[in-house]
């Protein structure tokens, strides 16, 4: 598939952390289980600085996504490796992706996106 199109990401495969965090904020590939069809697509906006540094969706400690997902799917965020959390989502039929494939902005907040710099993913 072309850049920005949804393509499978196998949970547990290493992603390369983006250590140089600046104004350019690239997106991550979607999290999809390779053998379980997703019934629900959970969308974020675009990774923030902490997520980019760790190469993990919703990595900022103040973000409650993984805690809520863990309660719903039966894992403890603090004791289960990130890759296993992604796998739990996929096995349960959830996919995870961001609305934007990239954006420009000085920080992690959506409100800090430079107008006109956001590039949407091809979500179909």
Foldseek 3Di string as FASTA:
>chain_A
DDPLEADEDDQPDDDDADQDDFFKFFADHKQAHPPAAAPEEDEDAGAWPQCSRVVAPPRPPVRCVLVVLCVVQPHHPVPDDRSVSSVSCNVVRYMYTYQFRMFGAGGGDPVRTDPPRTHGGPDD
